[in-house]
Amino acid sequence: MSQDYSSSVPQFSPPAAAQAPRTMTAEETRQELRQAIQGSNQILASSHTVLALFPDTVIIDRAKVTVTKRQFYRTADVMSVRIEDVLNATCTVGPVFGTVTIVSRVMNANQDTTIGRFWRRDAKRLKRVLQGYVIALQRSIDCSNLETAELAGMLEKLGADNHPNV
């Protein structure tokens, strides 16, 4: 089942465009790192696979997408991709279940990861939120001033396919 998390204060999202390194004092560095940590703890959408002995998990936060694939008890492959490195998100849905495929830019090559057997509505929501975030960053939209729940809702609308029969 999908989970949404909200907070009462705006959080920090990744920068819209690449920024050149700048010289900062130690205190400025600490403050920026605290803000980045706080933003990475703000979850926009998450879900886990169903009908699996060891369910996989996808978590989308303000900084990255984390995919956890479990093979056995207390073992997992965990992959995190910065939002800026996500090229595309798609989902394949059937009458009950769906899968999500995330295409990312890794070391100048495209890498795709498919995570399967979510409930249909959860697969579609993960895809819409992630695709909406990719579109927002491509358009250099600053998402840092929005509360987490509001941002997640707006990203889901931005990433919607506008095809009512799907």
N, C-alpha and C. Protein backbone atom coordinates (compact mmCIF):
# COMPACT_ATOMS: atom_id res chain seq x y z
N MET A 1 0.84 -1.18 0.00
CA MET A 1 0.00 0.00 0.00
C MET A 1 0.88 1.23 0.00
N SER A 2 0.50 2.25 -0.73
CA SER A 2 1.25 3.50 -0.79
C SER A 2 1.17 4.22 0.53
N GLN A 3 2.24 4.93 0.82
CA GLN A 3 2.25 5.76 2.01
C GLN A 3 2.63 7.16 1.59
N ASP A 4 1.98 8.14 2.17
CA ASP A 4 2.30 9.53 1.92
C ASP A 4 2.67 10.15 3.25
N TYR A 5 3.67 10.97 3.23
CA TYR A 5 4.12 11.63 4.43
C TYR A 5 4.05 13.11 4.22
N SER A 6 3.68 13.84 5.24
CA SER A 6 3.60 15.28 5.09
C SER A 6 4.26 15.94 6.28
N SER A 7 4.58 17.19 6.12
CA SER A 7 5.16 17.96 7.20
C SER A 7 4.55 19.35 7.16
N SER A 8 4.69 20.06 8.23
CA SER A 8 4.07 21.38 8.31
C SER A 8 4.98 22.49 7.81
N VAL A 9 6.24 22.19 7.53
CA VAL A 9 7.15 23.22 7.04
C VAL A 9 7.70 22.81 5.70
N PRO A 10 7.99 23.78 4.83
CA PRO A 10 8.58 23.45 3.55
C PRO A 10 9.93 22.77 3.73
N GLN A 11 10.26 21.87 2.84
CA GLN A 11 11.52 21.16 2.92
C GLN A 11 12.33 21.45 1.66
N PHE A 12 13.52 20.95 1.64
CA PHE A 12 14.43 21.27 0.55
C PHE A 12 14.48 20.16 -0.47
N SER A 13 14.38 20.53 -1.70
CA SER A 13 14.47 19.62 -2.82
C SER A 13 15.81 19.82 -3.49
N PRO A 14 16.18 18.93 -4.40
CA PRO A 14 17.44 19.14 -5.10
C PRO A 14 17.38 20.41 -5.93
N PRO A 15 18.53 20.99 -6.23
CA PRO A 15 18.54 22.20 -7.06
C PRO A 15 18.01 21.90 -8.45
N ALA A 16 17.36 22.88 -9.04
CA ALA A 16 16.77 22.70 -10.36
C ALA A 16 17.83 22.57 -11.44
N ALA A 17 18.91 23.26 -11.32
CA ALA A 17 19.97 23.21 -12.32
C ALA A 17 21.30 22.96 -11.64
N ALA A 18 22.26 22.45 -12.39
CA ALA A 18 23.58 22.19 -11.83
C ALA A 18 24.21 23.50 -11.37
N GLN A 19 24.78 23.46 -10.18
CA GLN A 19 25.41 24.64 -9.63
C GLN A 19 26.91 24.41 -9.52
N ALA A 20 27.67 25.45 -9.76
CA ALA A 20 29.12 25.34 -9.64
C ALA A 20 29.49 25.29 -8.17
N PRO A 21 30.54 24.54 -7.81
CA PRO A 21 30.97 24.51 -6.42
C PRO A 21 31.33 25.91 -5.94
N ARG A 22 31.01 26.19 -4.69
CA ARG A 22 31.31 27.51 -4.15
C ARG A 22 32.02 27.34 -2.82
N THR A 23 32.74 28.36 -2.44
CA THR A 23 33.46 28.34 -1.18
C THR A 23 32.51 28.70 -0.06
N MET A 24 32.49 27.85 0.99
CA MET A 24 31.61 28.08 2.13
C MET A 24 32.40 27.93 3.42
N THR A 25 31.88 28.57 4.45
CA THR A 25 32.48 28.38 5.77
C THR A 25 32.01 27.03 6.30
N ALA A 26 32.64 26.59 7.38
CA ALA A 26 32.26 25.32 7.99
C ALA A 26 30.80 25.36 8.45
N GLU A 27 30.35 26.46 9.00
CA GLU A 27 28.97 26.58 9.48
C GLU A 27 27.98 26.56 8.32
N GLU A 28 28.31 27.21 7.21
CA GLU A 28 27.44 27.17 6.04
C GLU A 28 27.33 25.75 5.48
N THR A 29 28.45 25.04 5.49
CA THR A 29 28.45 23.65 5.04
C THR A 29 27.56 22.80 5.93
N ARG A 30 27.68 22.96 7.25
CA ARG A 30 26.84 22.22 8.18
C ARG A 30 25.36 22.50 7.94
N GLN A 31 25.02 23.78 7.75
CA GLN A 31 23.63 24.17 7.53
C GLN A 31 23.08 23.55 6.25
N GLU A 32 23.85 23.60 5.17
CA GLU A 32 23.40 23.02 3.90
C GLU A 32 23.25 21.51 4.00
N LEU A 33 24.17 20.86 4.72
CA LEU A 33 24.06 19.41 4.90
C LEU A 33 22.83 19.06 5.74
N ARG A 34 22.55 19.84 6.78
CA ARG A 34 21.34 19.61 7.59
C ARG A 34 20.09 19.74 6.73
N GLN A 35 20.05 20.74 5.87
CA GLN A 35 18.90 20.94 4.99
C GLN A 35 18.75 19.78 4.02
N ALA A 36 19.88 19.29 3.48
CA ALA A 36 19.83 18.16 2.55
C ALA A 36 19.34 16.91 3.26
N ILE A 37 19.80 16.69 4.48
CA ILE A 37 19.35 15.53 5.25
C ILE A 37 17.86 15.64 5.55
N GLN A 38 17.43 16.81 5.96
CA GLN A 38 16.02 17.02 6.26
C GLN A 38 15.16 16.77 5.03
N GLY A 39 15.59 17.26 3.88
CA GLY A 39 14.85 17.05 2.64
C GLY A 39 14.82 15.60 2.21
N SER A 40 15.91 14.87 2.46
CA SER A 40 15.93 13.46 2.05
C SER A 40 15.07 12.60 2.96
N ASN A 41 14.65 13.13 4.09
CA ASN A 41 13.76 12.39 4.98
C ASN A 41 12.29 12.66 4.70
N GLN A 42 12.01 13.52 3.74
CA GLN A 42 10.63 13.85 3.39
C GLN A 42 10.20 12.96 2.23
N ILE A 43 9.41 11.96 2.53
CA ILE A 43 9.00 10.97 1.53
C ILE A 43 7.78 11.46 0.76
N LEU A 44 7.90 11.48 -0.56
CA LEU A 44 6.80 11.91 -1.43
C LEU A 44 5.87 10.75 -1.76
N ALA A 45 6.41 9.57 -1.95
CA ALA A 45 5.61 8.38 -2.24
C ALA A 45 6.45 7.15 -1.94
N SER A 46 5.80 6.10 -1.51
CA SER A 46 6.48 4.82 -1.30
C SER A 46 5.48 3.69 -1.43
N SER A 47 5.99 2.52 -1.76
CA SER A 47 5.15 1.35 -1.86
C SER A 47 6.02 0.11 -1.81
N HIS A 48 5.39 -1.01 -1.45
CA HIS A 48 6.11 -2.28 -1.46
C HIS A 48 5.31 -3.29 -2.28
N THR A 49 6.02 -4.26 -2.83
CA THR A 49 5.37 -5.26 -3.65
C THR A 49 4.48 -6.14 -2.78
N VAL A 50 3.51 -6.75 -3.42
CA VAL A 50 2.54 -7.57 -2.68
C VAL A 50 2.68 -9.03 -3.08
N LEU A 51 2.13 -9.90 -2.26
CA LEU A 51 2.13 -11.34 -2.50
C LEU A 51 3.54 -11.88 -2.72
N ALA A 52 4.48 -11.36 -1.96
CA ALA A 52 5.86 -11.81 -2.04
C ALA A 52 6.35 -12.17 -0.65
N LEU A 53 7.11 -13.22 -0.56
CA LEU A 53 7.66 -13.62 0.73
C LEU A 53 8.62 -12.55 1.25
N PHE A 54 9.39 -11.95 0.33
CA PHE A 54 10.33 -10.89 0.67
C PHE A 54 10.01 -9.69 -0.22
N PRO A 55 9.14 -8.78 0.23
CA PRO A 55 8.66 -7.69 -0.64
C PRO A 55 9.75 -6.66 -0.95
N ASP A 56 9.74 -6.19 -2.21
CA ASP A 56 10.61 -5.11 -2.65
C ASP A 56 9.94 -3.79 -2.30
N THR A 57 10.74 -2.72 -2.24
CA THR A 57 10.23 -1.41 -1.84
C THR A 57 10.78 -0.33 -2.76
N VAL A 58 9.93 0.66 -3.08
CA VAL A 58 10.36 1.86 -3.79
C VAL A 58 9.98 3.05 -2.92
N ILE A 59 10.95 3.94 -2.68
CA ILE A 59 10.72 5.15 -1.90
C ILE A 59 11.21 6.34 -2.72
N ILE A 60 10.33 7.32 -2.90
CA ILE A 60 10.68 8.55 -3.61
C ILE A 60 10.69 9.66 -2.57
N ASP A 61 11.86 10.28 -2.37
CA ASP A 61 11.92 11.43 -1.47
C ASP A 61 12.34 12.65 -2.27
N ARG A 62 12.62 13.74 -1.59
CA ARG A 62 12.93 14.99 -2.28
C ARG A 62 14.29 14.98 -2.98
N ALA A 63 15.14 14.02 -2.70
CA ALA A 63 16.47 14.01 -3.27
C ALA A 63 16.75 12.81 -4.17
N LYS A 64 16.07 11.68 -3.90
CA LYS A 64 16.46 10.46 -4.60
C LYS A 64 15.32 9.46 -4.66
N VAL A 65 15.52 8.42 -5.46
CA VAL A 65 14.63 7.27 -5.51
C VAL A 65 15.43 6.10 -4.97
N THR A 66 14.88 5.39 -4.01
CA THR A 66 15.56 4.24 -3.43
C THR A 66 14.75 2.99 -3.73
N VAL A 67 15.40 2.02 -4.37
CA VAL A 67 14.78 0.74 -4.70
C VAL A 67 15.47 -0.33 -3.86
N THR A 68 14.69 -1.05 -3.08
CA THR A 68 15.22 -2.13 -2.25
C THR A 68 14.63 -3.43 -2.75
N LYS A 69 15.50 -4.32 -3.25
CA LYS A 69 15.08 -5.63 -3.73
C LYS A 69 15.58 -6.68 -2.73
N ARG A 70 14.64 -7.44 -2.20
CA ARG A 70 14.98 -8.45 -1.19
C ARG A 70 14.95 -9.84 -1.81
N GLN A 71 15.98 -10.64 -1.50
CA GLN A 71 16.04 -12.00 -2.01
C GLN A 71 15.80 -13.03 -0.92
N PHE A 72 16.13 -12.67 0.32
CA PHE A 72 16.03 -13.60 1.43
C PHE A 72 15.88 -12.79 2.71
N TYR A 73 15.64 -13.46 3.79
CA TYR A 73 15.47 -12.81 5.09
C TYR A 73 16.70 -11.98 5.44
N ARG A 74 16.46 -10.68 5.71
CA ARG A 74 17.49 -9.73 6.13
C ARG A 74 18.61 -9.53 5.10
N THR A 75 18.33 -9.79 3.84
CA THR A 75 19.29 -9.49 2.78
C THR A 75 18.56 -8.64 1.74
N ALA A 76 19.30 -7.71 1.14
CA ALA A 76 18.68 -6.83 0.15
C ALA A 76 19.74 -6.18 -0.72
N ASP A 77 19.34 -5.87 -1.95
CA ASP A 77 20.11 -5.00 -2.82
C ASP A 77 19.42 -3.64 -2.78
N VAL A 78 20.16 -2.62 -2.37
CA VAL A 78 19.59 -1.29 -2.25
C VAL A 78 20.26 -0.39 -3.27
N MET A 79 19.45 0.24 -4.12
CA MET A 79 19.96 1.15 -5.14
C MET A 79 19.29 2.51 -4.95
N SER A 80 20.09 3.55 -4.88
CA SER A 80 19.56 4.91 -4.80
C SER A 80 20.02 5.68 -6.02
N VAL A 81 19.10 6.42 -6.61
CA VAL A 81 19.39 7.23 -7.79
C VAL A 81 18.93 8.65 -7.50
N ARG A 82 19.79 9.62 -7.73
CA ARG A 82 19.38 11.01 -7.56
C ARG A 82 18.24 11.31 -8.52
N ILE A 83 17.33 12.15 -8.07
CA ILE A 83 16.20 12.53 -8.92
C ILE A 83 16.71 13.12 -10.24
N GLU A 84 17.79 13.89 -10.19
CA GLU A 84 18.33 14.51 -11.39
C GLU A 84 18.82 13.48 -12.41
N ASP A 85 19.14 12.26 -11.96
CA ASP A 85 19.65 11.23 -12.85
C ASP A 85 18.57 10.31 -13.41
N VAL A 86 17.34 10.51 -12.99
CA VAL A 86 16.23 9.72 -13.53
C VAL A 86 15.84 10.32 -14.87
N LEU A 87 15.85 9.50 -15.89
CA LEU A 87 15.47 9.96 -17.23
C LEU A 87 13.99 9.77 -17.50
N ASN A 88 13.43 8.67 -16.99
CA ASN A 88 12.05 8.36 -17.30
C ASN A 88 11.52 7.34 -16.31
N ALA A 89 10.22 7.33 -16.13
CA ALA A 89 9.55 6.33 -15.32
C ALA A 89 8.34 5.83 -16.09
N THR A 90 8.17 4.53 -16.15
CA THR A 90 7.00 3.95 -16.81
C THR A 90 6.40 2.90 -15.89
N CYS A 91 5.15 2.57 -16.18
CA CYS A 91 4.55 1.45 -15.45
C CYS A 91 3.77 0.60 -16.43
N THR A 92 3.72 -0.67 -16.12
CA THR A 92 2.94 -1.63 -16.87
C THR A 92 1.89 -2.15 -15.91
N VAL A 93 0.63 -2.01 -16.29
CA VAL A 93 -0.44 -2.42 -15.39
C VAL A 93 -1.35 -3.45 -16.03
N GLY A 94 -1.85 -4.31 -15.19
CA GLY A 94 -2.86 -5.28 -15.58
C GLY A 94 -4.12 -4.98 -14.79
N PRO A 95 -5.04 -5.92 -14.75
CA PRO A 95 -6.28 -5.67 -14.04
C PRO A 95 -6.10 -5.49 -12.53
N VAL A 96 -5.06 -6.12 -11.96
CA VAL A 96 -4.87 -6.08 -10.51
C VAL A 96 -3.50 -5.54 -10.12
N PHE A 97 -2.46 -5.98 -10.81
CA PHE A 97 -1.09 -5.65 -10.43
C PHE A 97 -0.42 -4.76 -11.46
N GLY A 98 0.74 -4.21 -11.08
CA GLY A 98 1.52 -3.39 -11.99
C GLY A 98 2.99 -3.43 -11.63
N THR A 99 3.82 -3.07 -12.58
CA THR A 99 5.26 -2.95 -12.36
C THR A 99 5.69 -1.54 -12.73
N VAL A 100 6.79 -1.11 -12.14
CA VAL A 100 7.36 0.21 -12.41
C VAL A 100 8.76 0.01 -12.97
N THR A 101 9.07 0.73 -14.04
CA THR A 101 10.41 0.71 -14.61
C THR A 101 10.98 2.12 -14.52
N ILE A 102 12.18 2.22 -13.97
CA ILE A 102 12.87 3.50 -13.81
C ILE A 102 14.12 3.46 -14.67
N VAL A 103 14.23 4.41 -15.59
CA VAL A 103 15.41 4.53 -16.44
C VAL A 103 16.24 5.67 -15.89
N SER A 104 17.51 5.36 -15.60
CA SER A 104 18.39 6.38 -15.02
C SER A 104 19.66 6.52 -15.82
N ARG A 105 20.30 7.65 -15.61
CA ARG A 105 21.57 7.94 -16.25
C ARG A 105 22.66 7.57 -15.24
N VAL A 106 23.44 6.56 -15.58
CA VAL A 106 24.51 6.12 -14.68
C VAL A 106 25.79 6.02 -15.49
N MET A 107 26.76 6.84 -15.15
CA MET A 107 28.06 6.82 -15.82
C MET A 107 27.92 6.92 -17.34
N ASN A 108 27.10 7.86 -17.82
CA ASN A 108 26.88 8.12 -19.24
C ASN A 108 26.22 6.96 -20.00
N ALA A 109 25.61 6.05 -19.28
CA ALA A 109 24.87 4.96 -19.92
C ALA A 109 23.48 4.94 -19.30
N ASN A 110 22.54 4.42 -20.03
CA ASN A 110 21.19 4.31 -19.48
C ASN A 110 21.04 2.97 -18.79
N GLN A 111 20.48 3.01 -17.61
CA GLN A 111 20.24 1.79 -16.85
C GLN A 111 18.78 1.77 -16.44
N ASP A 112 18.13 0.65 -16.64
CA ASP A 112 16.73 0.58 -16.21
C ASP A 112 16.58 -0.47 -15.12
N THR A 113 15.67 -0.18 -14.22
CA THR A 113 15.36 -1.06 -13.11
C THR A 113 13.86 -1.29 -13.10
N THR A 114 13.45 -2.54 -13.10
CA THR A 114 12.03 -2.87 -13.05
C THR A 114 11.71 -3.51 -11.71
N ILE A 115 10.68 -2.99 -11.09
CA ILE A 115 10.24 -3.49 -9.80
C ILE A 115 8.80 -3.93 -9.99
N GLY A 116 8.50 -5.15 -9.56
CA GLY A 116 7.21 -5.68 -9.94
C GLY A 116 6.28 -6.12 -8.84
N ARG A 117 5.08 -6.31 -9.26
CA ARG A 117 3.91 -6.73 -8.55
C ARG A 117 3.51 -5.82 -7.39
N PHE A 118 3.25 -4.56 -7.77
CA PHE A 118 2.58 -3.63 -6.87
C PHE A 118 1.09 -3.74 -7.14
N TRP A 119 0.29 -3.24 -6.23
CA TRP A 119 -1.10 -3.07 -6.58
C TRP A 119 -1.15 -2.08 -7.73
N ARG A 120 -2.09 -2.23 -8.61
CA ARG A 120 -2.20 -1.39 -9.81
C ARG A 120 -2.15 0.10 -9.48
N ARG A 121 -2.95 0.55 -8.50
CA ARG A 121 -3.01 1.98 -8.15
C ARG A 121 -1.66 2.48 -7.60
N ASP A 122 -0.94 1.62 -6.87
CA ASP A 122 0.35 2.03 -6.32
C ASP A 122 1.40 2.18 -7.42
N ALA A 123 1.40 1.26 -8.39
CA ALA A 123 2.34 1.35 -9.51
C ALA A 123 2.11 2.64 -10.30
N LYS A 124 0.83 2.93 -10.56
CA LYS A 124 0.51 4.14 -11.32
C LYS A 124 0.90 5.39 -10.55
N ARG A 125 0.69 5.41 -9.24
CA ARG A 125 1.02 6.59 -8.44
C ARG A 125 2.54 6.80 -8.37
N LEU A 126 3.31 5.73 -8.16
CA LEU A 126 4.77 5.86 -8.14
C LEU A 126 5.26 6.45 -9.45
N LYS A 127 4.75 5.94 -10.56
CA LYS A 127 5.15 6.42 -11.88
C LYS A 127 4.81 7.89 -12.04
N ARG A 128 3.59 8.29 -11.66
CA ARG A 128 3.16 9.68 -11.85
C ARG A 128 3.99 10.65 -11.00
N VAL A 129 4.24 10.31 -9.73
CA VAL A 129 5.03 11.20 -8.87
C VAL A 129 6.45 11.33 -9.41
N LEU A 130 7.06 10.22 -9.76
CA LEU A 130 8.44 10.26 -10.25
C LEU A 130 8.53 10.98 -11.59
N GLN A 131 7.63 10.69 -12.52
CA GLN A 131 7.66 11.37 -13.81
C GLN A 131 7.37 12.86 -13.64
N GLY A 132 6.47 13.21 -12.75
CA GLY A 132 6.20 14.63 -12.47
C GLY A 132 7.42 15.35 -11.92
N TYR A 133 8.18 14.68 -11.06
CA TYR A 133 9.39 15.29 -10.51
C TYR A 133 10.43 15.49 -11.60
N VAL A 134 10.56 14.51 -12.48
CA VAL A 134 11.51 14.63 -13.60
C VAL A 134 11.12 15.83 -14.48
N ILE A 135 9.85 15.97 -14.79
CA ILE A 135 9.38 17.09 -15.62
C ILE A 135 9.64 18.41 -14.91
N ALA A 136 9.35 18.48 -13.62
CA ALA A 136 9.56 19.72 -12.86
C ALA A 136 11.03 20.13 -12.88
N LEU A 137 11.93 19.18 -12.70
CA LEU A 137 13.36 19.52 -12.71
C LEU A 137 13.83 19.91 -14.10
N GLN A 138 13.30 19.26 -15.13
CA GLN A 138 13.67 19.63 -16.50
C GLN A 138 13.23 21.05 -16.83
N ARG A 139 12.13 21.48 -16.23
CA ARG A 139 11.64 22.84 -16.45
C ARG A 139 12.21 23.83 -15.44
N SER A 140 13.17 23.38 -14.64
CA SER A 140 13.84 24.23 -13.64
C SER A 140 12.86 24.84 -12.64
N ILE A 141 11.88 24.06 -12.23
CA ILE A 141 10.91 24.51 -11.23
C ILE A 141 11.48 24.24 -9.85
N ASP A 142 11.53 25.26 -9.01
CA ASP A 142 12.03 25.13 -7.64
C ASP A 142 10.92 24.55 -6.77
N CYS A 143 11.11 23.33 -6.29
CA CYS A 143 10.09 22.64 -5.50
C CYS A 143 10.33 22.77 -4.00
N SER A 144 11.36 23.48 -3.60
CA SER A 144 11.76 23.48 -2.19
C SER A 144 10.82 24.26 -1.28
N ASN A 145 10.00 25.14 -1.80
CA ASN A 145 9.14 25.96 -0.95
C ASN A 145 7.78 25.34 -0.68
N LEU A 146 7.51 24.19 -1.26
CA LEU A 146 6.21 23.55 -1.06
C LEU A 146 6.29 22.52 0.06
N GLU A 147 5.19 22.39 0.79
CA GLU A 147 5.12 21.35 1.80
C GLU A 147 5.10 20.00 1.10
N THR A 148 5.52 18.98 1.80
CA THR A 148 5.69 17.66 1.21
C THR A 148 4.40 17.12 0.62
N ALA A 149 3.30 17.18 1.35
CA ALA A 149 2.03 16.64 0.85
C ALA A 149 1.56 17.40 -0.39
N GLU A 150 1.69 18.71 -0.37
CA GLU A 150 1.28 19.52 -1.52
C GLU A 150 2.15 19.21 -2.73
N LEU A 151 3.47 19.10 -2.51
CA LEU A 151 4.39 18.79 -3.59
C LEU A 151 4.07 17.43 -4.20
N ALA A 152 3.83 16.42 -3.37
CA ALA A 152 3.52 15.09 -3.88
C ALA A 152 2.26 15.12 -4.74
N GLY A 153 1.23 15.82 -4.29
CA GLY A 153 -0.01 15.92 -5.06
C GLY A 153 0.19 16.62 -6.39
N MET A 154 0.96 17.71 -6.38
CA MET A 154 1.18 18.46 -7.62
C MET A 154 2.05 17.66 -8.60
N LEU A 155 3.06 16.96 -8.08
CA LEU A 155 3.90 16.14 -8.95
C LEU A 155 3.09 15.01 -9.57
N GLU A 156 2.17 14.44 -8.79
CA GLU A 156 1.33 13.37 -9.33
C GLU A 156 0.46 13.89 -10.46
N LYS A 157 -0.08 15.08 -10.32
CA LYS A 157 -0.89 15.67 -11.39
C LYS A 157 -0.03 15.99 -12.61
N LEU A 158 1.19 16.51 -12.38
CA LEU A 158 2.09 16.84 -13.49
C LEU A 158 2.50 15.58 -14.25
N GLY A 159 2.68 14.47 -13.56
CA GLY A 159 3.12 13.23 -14.18
C GLY A 159 1.99 12.38 -14.71
N ALA A 160 0.75 12.86 -14.58
CA ALA A 160 -0.41 12.08 -15.07
C ALA A 160 -0.39 11.99 -16.58
N ASP A 161 -0.95 10.91 -17.08
CA ASP A 161 -0.96 10.66 -18.53
C ASP A 161 -2.12 11.30 -19.25
N ASN A 162 -3.14 11.74 -18.53
CA ASN A 162 -4.33 12.35 -19.13
C ASN A 162 -5.06 11.43 -20.08
N HIS A 163 -4.98 10.14 -19.82
CA HIS A 163 -5.73 9.16 -20.59
C HIS A 163 -6.69 8.48 -19.61
N PRO A 164 -7.96 8.84 -19.64
CA PRO A 164 -8.90 8.38 -18.61
C PRO A 164 -9.13 6.87 -18.58
N ASN A 165 -8.89 6.15 -19.64
CA ASN A 165 -9.20 4.72 -19.68
C ASN A 165 -8.08 3.84 -19.17
N VAL A 166 -6.96 4.41 -18.82
CA VAL A 166 -5.82 3.59 -18.36
C VAL A 166 -5.88 3.44 -16.87
